[in-house]
């Protein structure tokens, strides 16, 4: 399953994010959450702490001032070169 969301507006041309890094090296915590009536230990991370190319495996909750992104078990979120969170199911990744 692929779900995409797009917002349009005139904010100029996007430039790649200058931050390097990636992988799973970012500050995080763990919290118990429920998916499909089952408890899971989920990664809790602040969006601003994720560098370019960061990979967050689900289950996870990524929070920021204006949104919360939930990454279910079996999915992952990757920060692309523009700083966008791309969430996909593992079989699609």
PDB file of N, CA and C in Angstrom:
ATOM      1  N   UNK A   1       0.838  -1.175   0.000  1.00  0.00           N
ATOM      2  CA  UNK A   1       0.000   0.000   0.000  1.00  0.00           C
ATOM      3  C   UNK A   1       0.882   1.237   0.000  1.00  0.00           C
ATOM      4  N   UNK A   2       0.566   2.175  -0.851  1.00  0.00           N
ATOM      5  CA  UNK A   2       1.288   3.435  -0.909  1.00  0.00           C
ATOM      6  C   UNK A   2       0.286   4.562  -0.698  1.00  0.00           C
ATOM      7  N   UNK A   3       0.590   5.457   0.222  1.00  0.00           N
ATOM      8  CA  UNK A   3      -0.242   6.619   0.481  1.00  0.00           C
ATOM      9  C   UNK A   3       0.627   7.839   0.272  1.00  0.00           C
ATOM     10  N   UNK A   4       0.164   8.747  -0.542  1.00  0.00           N
ATOM     11  CA  UNK A   4       0.929   9.963  -0.810  1.00  0.00           C
ATOM     12  C   UNK A   4       0.079  11.190  -0.505  1.00  0.00           C
ATOM     13  N   UNK A   5       0.757  12.213  -0.042  1.00  0.00           N
ATOM     14  CA  UNK A   5       0.079  13.461   0.257  1.00  0.00           C
ATOM     15  C   UNK A   5       0.894  14.593  -0.342  1.00  0.00           C
ATOM     16  N   UNK A   6       0.224  15.522  -0.992  1.00  0.00           N
ATOM     17  CA  UNK A   6       0.917  16.632  -1.628  1.00  0.00           C
ATOM     18  C   UNK A   6       0.218  17.936  -1.257  1.00  0.00           C
ATOM     19  N   UNK A   7       1.011  18.949  -0.944  1.00  0.00           N
ATOM     20  CA  UNK A   7       0.488  20.287  -0.696  1.00  0.00           C
ATOM     21  C   UNK A   7       1.144  21.228  -1.699  1.00  0.00           C
ATOM     22  N   UNK A   8       0.357  22.108  -2.270  1.00  0.00           N
ATOM     23  CA  UNK A   8       0.873  23.030  -3.276  1.00  0.00           C
ATOM     24  C   UNK A   8       0.895  24.450  -2.733  1.00  0.00           C
ATOM     25  N   UNK A   9       1.912  25.173  -3.126  1.00  0.00           N
ATOM     26  CA  UNK A   9       2.031  26.569  -2.733  1.00  0.00           C
ATOM     27  C   UNK A   9       3.268  27.155  -3.388  1.00  0.00           C
ATOM     28  N   UNK A  10       3.342  28.457  -3.451  1.00  0.00           N
ATOM     29  CA  UNK A  10       4.489  29.101  -4.089  1.00  0.00           C
ATOM     30  C   UNK A  10       5.507  29.476  -3.031  1.00  0.00           C
ATOM     31  N   UNK A  11       6.407  28.563  -2.732  1.00  0.00           N
ATOM     32  CA  UNK A  11       7.455  28.816  -1.750  1.00  0.00           C
ATOM     33  C   UNK A  11       8.821  28.853  -2.421  1.00  0.00           C
ATOM     34  N   UNK A  12       8.847  28.982  -3.742  1.00  0.00           N
ATOM     35  CA  UNK A  12      10.121  28.992  -4.449  1.00  0.00           C
ATOM     36  C   UNK A  12      10.606  27.571  -4.698  1.00  0.00           C
ATOM     37  N   UNK A  13      11.816  27.459  -5.171  1.00  0.00           N
ATOM     38  CA  UNK A  13      12.384  26.149  -5.487  1.00  0.00           C
ATOM     39  C   UNK A  13      13.026  25.540  -4.252  1.00  0.00           C
ATOM     40  N   UNK A  14      12.757  24.258  -4.027  1.00  0.00           N
ATOM     41  CA  UNK A  14      13.346  23.554  -2.883  1.00  0.00           C
ATOM     42  C   UNK A  14      14.823  23.303  -3.129  1.00  0.00           C
ATOM     43  N   UNK A  15      15.611  23.512  -2.110  1.00  0.00           N
ATOM     44  CA  UNK A  15      17.042  23.245  -2.169  1.00  0.00           C
ATOM     45  C   UNK A  15      17.344  22.042  -1.293  1.00  0.00           C
ATOM     46  N   UNK A  16      18.299  21.212  -1.681  1.00  0.00           N
ATOM     47  CA  UNK A  16      18.659  20.074  -0.831  1.00  0.00           C
ATOM     48  C   UNK A  16      19.099  20.530   0.549  1.00  0.00           C
ATOM     49  N   UNK A  17      18.784  19.701   1.541  1.00  0.00           N
ATOM     50  CA  UNK A  17      19.176  19.982   2.913  1.00  0.00           C
ATOM     51  C   UNK A  17      20.675  19.778   3.036  1.00  0.00           C
ATOM     52  N   UNK A  18      21.364  20.704   3.682  1.00  0.00           N
ATOM     53  CA  UNK A  18      22.820  20.650   3.769  1.00  0.00           C
ATOM     54  C   UNK A  18      23.326  19.646   4.797  1.00  0.00           C
ATOM     55  N   UNK A  19      22.449  19.230   5.735  1.00  0.00           N
ATOM     56  CA  UNK A  19      22.882  18.326   6.798  1.00  0.00           C
ATOM     57  C   UNK A  19      23.319  16.987   6.234  1.00  0.00           C
ATOM     58  N   UNK A  20      24.403  16.473   6.762  1.00  0.00           N
ATOM     59  CA  UNK A  20      24.822  15.118   6.448  1.00  0.00           C
ATOM     60  C   UNK A  20      24.534  14.251   7.646  1.00  0.00           C
ATOM     61  N   UNK A  21      24.703  12.997   7.489  1.00  0.00           N
ATOM     62  CA  UNK A  21      24.433  12.080   8.589  1.00  0.00           C
ATOM     63  C   UNK A  21      23.568  10.977   8.085  1.00  0.00           C
ATOM     64  N   UNK A  22      22.626  10.583   8.866  1.00  0.00           N
ATOM     65  CA  UNK A  22      21.698   9.562   8.434  1.00  0.00           C
ATOM     66  C   UNK A  22      21.742   8.340   9.313  1.00  0.00           C
ATOM     67  N   UNK A  23      21.209   7.272   8.768  1.00  0.00           N
ATOM     68  CA  UNK A  23      21.143   6.044   9.532  1.00  0.00           C
ATOM     69  C   UNK A  23      20.203   6.187  10.713  1.00  0.00           C
ATOM     70  N   UNK A  24      20.624   5.679  11.856  1.00  0.00           N
ATOM     71  CA  UNK A  24      19.782   5.724  13.048  1.00  0.00           C
ATOM     72  C   UNK A  24      20.443   6.502  14.174  1.00  0.00           C
ATOM     73  N   UNK A  25      21.366   7.399  13.846  1.00  0.00           N
ATOM     74  CA  UNK A  25      22.087   8.164  14.863  1.00  0.00           C
ATOM     75  C   UNK A  25      21.388   9.499  15.117  1.00  0.00           C
ATOM     76  N   UNK A  26      20.372   9.463  15.998  1.00  0.00           N
ATOM     77  CA  UNK A  26      19.640  10.663  16.394  1.00  0.00           C
ATOM     78  C   UNK A  26      19.055  10.408  17.777  1.00  0.00           C
ATOM     79  N   UNK A  27      18.821  11.466  18.554  1.00  0.00           N
ATOM     80  CA  UNK A  27      18.258  11.268  19.893  1.00  0.00           C
ATOM     81  C   UNK A  27      16.834  10.737  19.810  1.00  0.00           C
ATOM     82  N   UNK A  28      16.520   9.774  20.669  1.00  0.00           N
ATOM     83  CA  UNK A  28      15.165   9.225  20.678  1.00  0.00           C
ATOM     84  C   UNK A  28      14.852   8.646  22.050  1.00  0.00           C
ATOM     85  N   UNK A  29      13.598   8.321  22.239  1.00  0.00           N
ATOM     86  CA  UNK A  29      13.130   7.661  23.452  1.00  0.00           C
ATOM     87  C   UNK A  29      12.270   6.483  23.008  1.00  0.00           C
ATOM     88  N   UNK A  30      11.841   5.691  23.964  1.00  0.00           N
ATOM     89  CA  UNK A  30      10.954   4.566  23.661  1.00  0.00           C
ATOM     90  C   UNK A  30       9.718   4.681  24.534  1.00  0.00           C
ATOM     91  N   UNK A  31       8.569   4.371  23.936  1.00  0.00           N
ATOM     92  CA  UNK A  31       7.302   4.441  24.659  1.00  0.00           C
ATOM     93  C   UNK A  31       6.395   3.312  24.175  1.00  0.00           C
ATOM     94  N   UNK A  32       5.583   2.813  25.040  1.00  0.00           N
ATOM     95  CA  UNK A  32       4.656   1.744  24.691  1.00  0.00           C
ATOM     96  C   UNK A  32       3.456   2.358  23.966  1.00  0.00           C
ATOM     97  N   UNK A  33       3.141   1.834  22.765  1.00  0.00           N
ATOM     98  CA  UNK A  33       1.995   2.296  21.978  1.00  0.00           C
ATOM     99  C   UNK A  33       1.192   1.080  21.526  1.00  0.00           C
ATOM    100  N   UNK A  34      -0.023   1.316  21.041  1.00  0.00           N
ATOM    101  CA  UNK A  34      -0.890   0.228  20.615  1.00  0.00           C
ATOM    102  C   UNK A  34      -1.191   0.335  19.131  1.00  0.00           C
ATOM    103  N   UNK A  35      -0.951  -0.762  18.407  1.00  0.00           N
ATOM    104  CA  UNK A  35      -1.340  -0.911  17.010  1.00  0.00           C
ATOM    105  C   UNK A  35      -2.104  -2.227  16.911  1.00  0.00           C
ATOM    106  N   UNK A  36      -3.251  -2.214  16.257  1.00  0.00           N
ATOM    107  CA  UNK A  36      -4.053  -3.434  16.085  1.00  0.00           C
ATOM    108  C   UNK A  36      -4.292  -4.163  17.406  1.00  0.00           C
ATOM    109  N   UNK A  37      -4.564  -3.388  18.443  1.00  0.00           N
ATOM    110  CA  UNK A  37      -4.875  -3.918  19.770  1.00  0.00           C
ATOM    111  C   UNK A  37      -3.721  -4.678  20.414  1.00  0.00           C
ATOM    112  N   UNK A  38      -2.515  -4.452  19.935  1.00  0.00           N
ATOM    113  CA  UNK A  38      -1.332  -5.076  20.523  1.00  0.00           C
ATOM    114  C   UNK A  38      -0.344  -3.994  20.934  1.00  0.00           C
ATOM    115  N   UNK A  39       0.284  -4.198  22.094  1.00  0.00           N
ATOM    116  CA  UNK A  39       1.274  -3.249  22.568  1.00  0.00           C
ATOM    117  C   UNK A  39       2.605  -3.425  21.853  1.00  0.00           C
ATOM    118  N   UNK A  40       3.265  -2.321  21.548  1.00  0.00           N
ATOM    119  CA  UNK A  40       4.571  -2.315  20.894  1.00  0.00           C
ATOM    120  C   UNK A  40       5.442  -1.255  21.552  1.00  0.00           C
ATOM    121  N   UNK A  41       6.734  -1.496  21.637  1.00  0.00           N
ATOM    122  CA  UNK A  41       7.684  -0.461  22.041  1.00  0.00           C
ATOM    123  C   UNK A  41       8.000   0.367  20.812  1.00  0.00           C
ATOM    124  N   UNK A  42       7.646   1.637  20.838  1.00  0.00           N
ATOM    125  CA  UNK A  42       7.826   2.519  19.682  1.00  0.00           C
ATOM    126  C   UNK A  42       8.935   3.533  19.945  1.00  0.00           C
ATOM    127  N   UNK A  43       9.631   3.895  18.896  1.00  0.00           N
ATOM    128  CA  UNK A  43      10.632   4.952  18.947  1.00  0.00           C
ATOM    129  C   UNK A  43       9.894   6.286  18.925  1.00  0.00           C
ATOM    130  N   UNK A  44      10.253   7.188  19.817  1.00  0.00           N
ATOM    131  CA  UNK A  44       9.679   8.537  19.866  1.00  0.00           C
ATOM    132  C   UNK A  44      10.810   9.504  19.545  1.00  0.00           C
ATOM    133  N   UNK A  45      10.630  10.314  18.507  1.00  0.00           N
ATOM    134  CA  UNK A  45      11.706  11.204  18.073  1.00  0.00           C
ATOM    135  C   UNK A  45      11.126  12.564  17.670  1.00  0.00           C
ATOM    136  N   UNK A  46      11.899  13.611  17.914  1.00  0.00           N
ATOM    137  CA  UNK A  46      11.522  14.957  17.475  1.00  0.00           C
ATOM    138  C   UNK A  46      11.959  15.133  16.025  1.00  0.00           C
ATOM    139  N   UNK A  47      11.083  15.633  15.196  1.00  0.00           N
ATOM    140  CA  UNK A  47      11.355  15.817  13.759  1.00  0.00           C
ATOM    141  C   UNK A  47      12.624  16.636  13.538  1.00  0.00           C
ATOM    142  N   UNK A  48      12.830  17.665  14.345  1.00  0.00           N
ATOM    143  CA  UNK A  48      14.004  18.534  14.181  1.00  0.00           C
ATOM    144  C   UNK A  48      15.320  17.819  14.462  1.00  0.00           C
ATOM    145  N   UNK A  49      15.273  16.666  15.144  1.00  0.00           N
ATOM    146  CA  UNK A  49      16.488  15.913  15.453  1.00  0.00           C
ATOM    147  C   UNK A  49      16.891  14.950  14.351  1.00  0.00           C
ATOM    148  N   UNK A  50      16.065  14.812  13.310  1.00  0.00           N
ATOM    149  CA  UNK A  50      16.361  13.861  12.244  1.00  0.00           C
ATOM    150  C   UNK A  50      17.205  14.506  11.147  1.00  0.00           C
ATOM    151  N   UNK A  51      18.412  14.011  10.919  1.00  0.00           N
ATOM    152  CA  UNK A  51      19.246  14.554   9.851  1.00  0.00           C
ATOM    153  C   UNK A  51      18.830  13.990   8.491  1.00  0.00           C
ATOM    154  N   UNK A  52      19.344  14.575   7.450  1.00  0.00           N
ATOM    155  CA  UNK A  52      19.127  14.070   6.099  1.00  0.00           C
ATOM    156  C   UNK A  52      19.546  12.600   6.040  1.00  0.00           C
ATOM    157  N   UNK A  53      18.782  11.798   5.329  1.00  0.00           N
ATOM    158  CA  UNK A  53      19.017  10.356   5.151  1.00  0.00           C
ATOM    159  C   UNK A  53      18.745   9.528   6.405  1.00  0.00           C
ATOM    160  N   UNK A  54      18.179  10.124   7.448  1.00  0.00           N
ATOM    161  CA  UNK A  54      17.834   9.350   8.643  1.00  0.00           C
ATOM    162  C   UNK A  54      16.761   8.326   8.289  1.00  0.00           C
ATOM    163  N   UNK A  55      16.846   7.164   8.911  1.00  0.00           N
ATOM    164  CA  UNK A  55      15.859   6.097   8.726  1.00  0.00           C
ATOM    165  C   UNK A  55      15.244   5.795  10.092  1.00  0.00           C
ATOM    166  N   UNK A  56      13.918   5.854  10.170  1.00  0.00           N
ATOM    167  CA  UNK A  56      13.199   5.551  11.407  1.00  0.00           C
ATOM    168  C   UNK A  56      12.295   4.358  11.122  1.00  0.00           C
ATOM    169  N   UNK A  57      12.612   3.219  11.725  1.00  0.00           N
ATOM    170  CA  UNK A  57      11.805   2.015  11.527  1.00  0.00           C
ATOM    171  C   UNK A  57      10.612   2.025  12.467  1.00  0.00           C
ATOM    172  N   UNK A  58       9.457   1.602  11.964  1.00  0.00           N
ATOM    173  CA  UNK A  58       8.267   1.529  12.783  1.00  0.00           C
ATOM    174  C   UNK A  58       8.288   0.305  13.678  1.00  0.00           C
ATOM    175  N   UNK A  59       7.558   0.363  14.756  1.00  0.00           N
ATOM    176  CA  UNK A  59       6.634   1.429  15.115  1.00  0.00           C
ATOM    177  C   UNK A  59       7.379   2.648  15.673  1.00  0.00           C
ATOM    178  N   UNK A  60       6.922   3.819  15.260  1.00  0.00           N
ATOM    179  CA  UNK A  60       7.563   5.054  15.701  1.00  0.00           C
ATOM    180  C   UNK A  60       6.559   6.204  15.666  1.00  0.00           C
ATOM    181  N   UNK A  61       6.862   7.236  16.445  1.00  0.00           N
ATOM    182  CA  UNK A  61       6.094   8.477  16.436  1.00  0.00           C
ATOM    183  C   UNK A  61       7.098   9.608  16.260  1.00  0.00           C
ATOM    184  N   UNK A  62       6.914  10.397  15.208  1.00  0.00           N
ATOM    185  CA  UNK A  62       7.795  11.533  14.924  1.00  0.00           C
ATOM    186  C   UNK A  62       6.973  12.790  15.150  1.00  0.00           C
ATOM    187  N   UNK A  63       7.393  13.620  16.116  1.00  0.00           N
ATOM    188  CA  UNK A  63       6.601  14.798  16.464  1.00  0.00           C
ATOM    189  C   UNK A  63       7.316  16.078  16.069  1.00  0.00           C
ATOM    190  N   UNK A  64       6.515  17.064  15.708  1.00  0.00           N
ATOM    191  CA  UNK A  64       7.003  18.413  15.420  1.00  0.00           C
ATOM    192  C   UNK A  64       5.935  19.393  15.849  1.00  0.00           C
ATOM    193  N   UNK A  65       6.228  20.673  15.741  1.00  0.00           N
ATOM    194  CA  UNK A  65       5.292  21.687  16.239  1.00  0.00           C
ATOM    195  C   UNK A  65       3.926  21.635  15.560  1.00  0.00           C
ATOM    196  N   UNK A  66       3.886  21.318  14.277  1.00  0.00           N
ATOM    197  CA  UNK A  66       2.629  21.401  13.530  1.00  0.00           C
ATOM    198  C   UNK A  66       2.059  20.062  13.093  1.00  0.00           C
ATOM    199  N   UNK A  67       2.732  18.970  13.407  1.00  0.00           N
ATOM    200  CA  UNK A  67       2.244  17.665  12.954  1.00  0.00           C
ATOM    201  C   UNK A  67       2.854  16.540  13.779  1.00  0.00           C
ATOM    202  N   UNK A  68       2.209  15.389  13.709  1.00  0.00           N
ATOM    203  CA  UNK A  68       2.739  14.161  14.284  1.00  0.00           C
ATOM    204  C   UNK A  68       2.645  13.094  13.204  1.00  0.00           C
ATOM    205  N   UNK A  69       3.750  12.419  12.938  1.00  0.00           N
ATOM    206  CA  UNK A  69       3.773  11.356  11.942  1.00  0.00           C
ATOM    207  C   UNK A  69       3.871  10.023  12.670  1.00  0.00           C
ATOM    208  N   UNK A  70       2.923   9.142  12.398  1.00  0.00           N
ATOM    209  CA  UNK A  70       2.911   7.811  12.997  1.00  0.00           C
ATOM    210  C   UNK A  70       3.429   6.828  11.954  1.00  0.00           C
ATOM    211  N   UNK A  71       4.455   6.069  12.340  1.00  0.00           N
ATOM    212  CA  UNK A  71       5.038   5.059  11.464  1.00  0.00           C
ATOM    213  C   UNK A  71       4.655   3.702  12.052  1.00  0.00           C
ATOM    214  N   UNK A  72       3.744   2.981  11.396  1.00  0.00           N
ATOM    215  CA  UNK A  72       3.274   1.722  11.971  1.00  0.00           C
ATOM    216  C   UNK A  72       4.325   0.609  11.888  1.00  0.00           C
ATOM    217  N   UNK A  73       4.107  -0.469  12.632  1.00  0.00           N
ATOM    218  CA  UNK A  73       5.012  -1.616  12.524  1.00  0.00           C
ATOM    219  C   UNK A  73       5.079  -2.086  11.069  1.00  0.00           C
ATOM    220  N   UNK A  74       6.270  -2.472  10.625  1.00  0.00           N
ATOM    221  CA  UNK A  74       6.439  -2.942   9.257  1.00  0.00           C
ATOM    222  C   UNK A  74       6.616  -1.832   8.246  1.00  0.00           C
ATOM    223  N   UNK A  75       6.718  -0.589   8.704  1.00  0.00           N
ATOM    224  CA  UNK A  75       6.935   0.552   7.808  1.00  0.00           C
ATOM    225  C   UNK A  75       8.187   1.284   8.258  1.00  0.00           C
ATOM    226  N   UNK A  76       8.614   2.254   7.473  1.00  0.00           N
ATOM    227  CA  UNK A  76       9.758   3.076   7.858  1.00  0.00           C
ATOM    228  C   UNK A  76       9.607   4.471   7.285  1.00  0.00           C
ATOM    229  N   UNK A  77      10.250   5.425   7.935  1.00  0.00           N
ATOM    230  CA  UNK A  77      10.285   6.809   7.466  1.00  0.00           C
ATOM    231  C   UNK A  77      11.734   7.144   7.147  1.00  0.00           C
ATOM    232  N   UNK A  78      11.956   7.810   6.019  1.00  0.00           N
ATOM    233  CA  UNK A  78      13.290   8.229   5.602  1.00  0.00           C
ATOM    234  C   UNK A  78      13.230   9.727   5.323  1.00  0.00           C
ATOM    235  N   UNK A  79      14.243  10.469   5.763  1.00  0.00           N
ATOM    236  CA  UNK A  79      14.342  11.899   5.460  1.00  0.00           C
ATOM    237  C   UNK A  79      15.088  12.022   4.138  1.00  0.00           C
ATOM    238  N   UNK A  80      14.418  12.550   3.105  1.00  0.00           N
ATOM    239  CA  UNK A  80      15.074  12.655   1.802  1.00  0.00           C
ATOM    240  C   UNK A  80      15.990  13.877   1.724  1.00  0.00           C
ATOM    241  N   UNK A  81      16.599  14.089   0.583  1.00  0.00           N
ATOM    242  CA  UNK A  81      17.591  15.164   0.447  1.00  0.00           C
ATOM    243  C   UNK A  81      17.019  16.563   0.601  1.00  0.00           C
ATOM    244  N   UNK A  82      15.688  16.702   0.523  1.00  0.00           N
ATOM    245  CA  UNK A  82      15.045  17.995   0.724  1.00  0.00           C
ATOM    246  C   UNK A  82      14.497  18.153   2.135  1.00  0.00           C
ATOM    247  N   UNK A  83      14.704  17.140   2.979  1.00  0.00           N
ATOM    248  CA  UNK A  83      14.215  17.195   4.345  1.00  0.00           C
ATOM    249  C   UNK A  83      12.799  16.682   4.503  1.00  0.00           C
ATOM    250  N   UNK A  84      12.229  16.102   3.455  1.00  0.00           N
ATOM    251  CA  UNK A  84      10.876  15.568   3.477  1.00  0.00           C
ATOM    252  C   UNK A  84      10.863  14.182   4.107  1.00  0.00           C
ATOM    253  N   UNK A  85       9.864  13.912   4.931  1.00  0.00           N
ATOM    254  CA  UNK A  85       9.683  12.566   5.476  1.00  0.00           C
ATOM    255  C   UNK A  85       8.959  11.715   4.441  1.00  0.00           C
ATOM    256  N   UNK A  86       9.549  10.604   4.069  1.00  0.00           N
ATOM    257  CA  UNK A  86       8.942   9.664   3.135  1.00  0.00           C
ATOM    258  C   UNK A  86       8.667   8.384   3.910  1.00  0.00           C
ATOM    259  N   UNK A  87       7.393   8.046   4.090  1.00  0.00           N
ATOM    260  CA  UNK A  87       6.999   6.857   4.849  1.00  0.00           C
ATOM    261  C   UNK A  87       6.554   5.790   3.867  1.00  0.00           C
ATOM    262  N   UNK A  88       7.098   4.576   4.030  1.00  0.00           N
ATOM    263  CA  UNK A  88       6.709   3.477   3.143  1.00  0.00           C
ATOM    264  C   UNK A  88       6.667   2.179   3.921  1.00  0.00           C
ATOM    265  N   UNK A  89       5.835   1.240   3.439  1.00  0.00           N
ATOM    266  CA  UNK A  89       5.783  -0.093   3.999  1.00  0.00           C
ATOM    267  C   UNK A  89       7.059  -0.814   3.598  1.00  0.00           C
ATOM    268  N   UNK A  90       7.563  -1.699   4.442  1.00  0.00           N
ATOM    269  CA  UNK A  90       8.828  -2.385   4.164  1.00  0.00           C
ATOM    270  C   UNK A  90       8.827  -3.107   2.829  1.00  0.00           C
ATOM    271  N   UNK A  91       7.693  -3.727   2.454  1.00  0.00           N
ATOM    272  CA  UNK A  91       7.692  -4.440   1.185  1.00  0.00           C
ATOM    273  C   UNK A  91       7.782  -3.493  -0.003  1.00  0.00           C
ATOM    274  N   UNK A  92       7.426  -2.207   0.202  1.00  0.00           N
ATOM    275  CA  UNK A  92       7.531  -1.197  -0.862  1.00  0.00           C
ATOM    276  C   UNK A  92       8.888  -0.509  -0.855  1.00  0.00           C
ATOM    277  N   UNK A  93       9.641  -0.631   0.238  1.00  0.00           N
ATOM    278  CA  UNK A  93      10.886   0.129   0.411  1.00  0.00           C
ATOM    279  C   UNK A  93      12.015  -0.417  -0.436  1.00  0.00           C
TER     280      UNK A  93
END
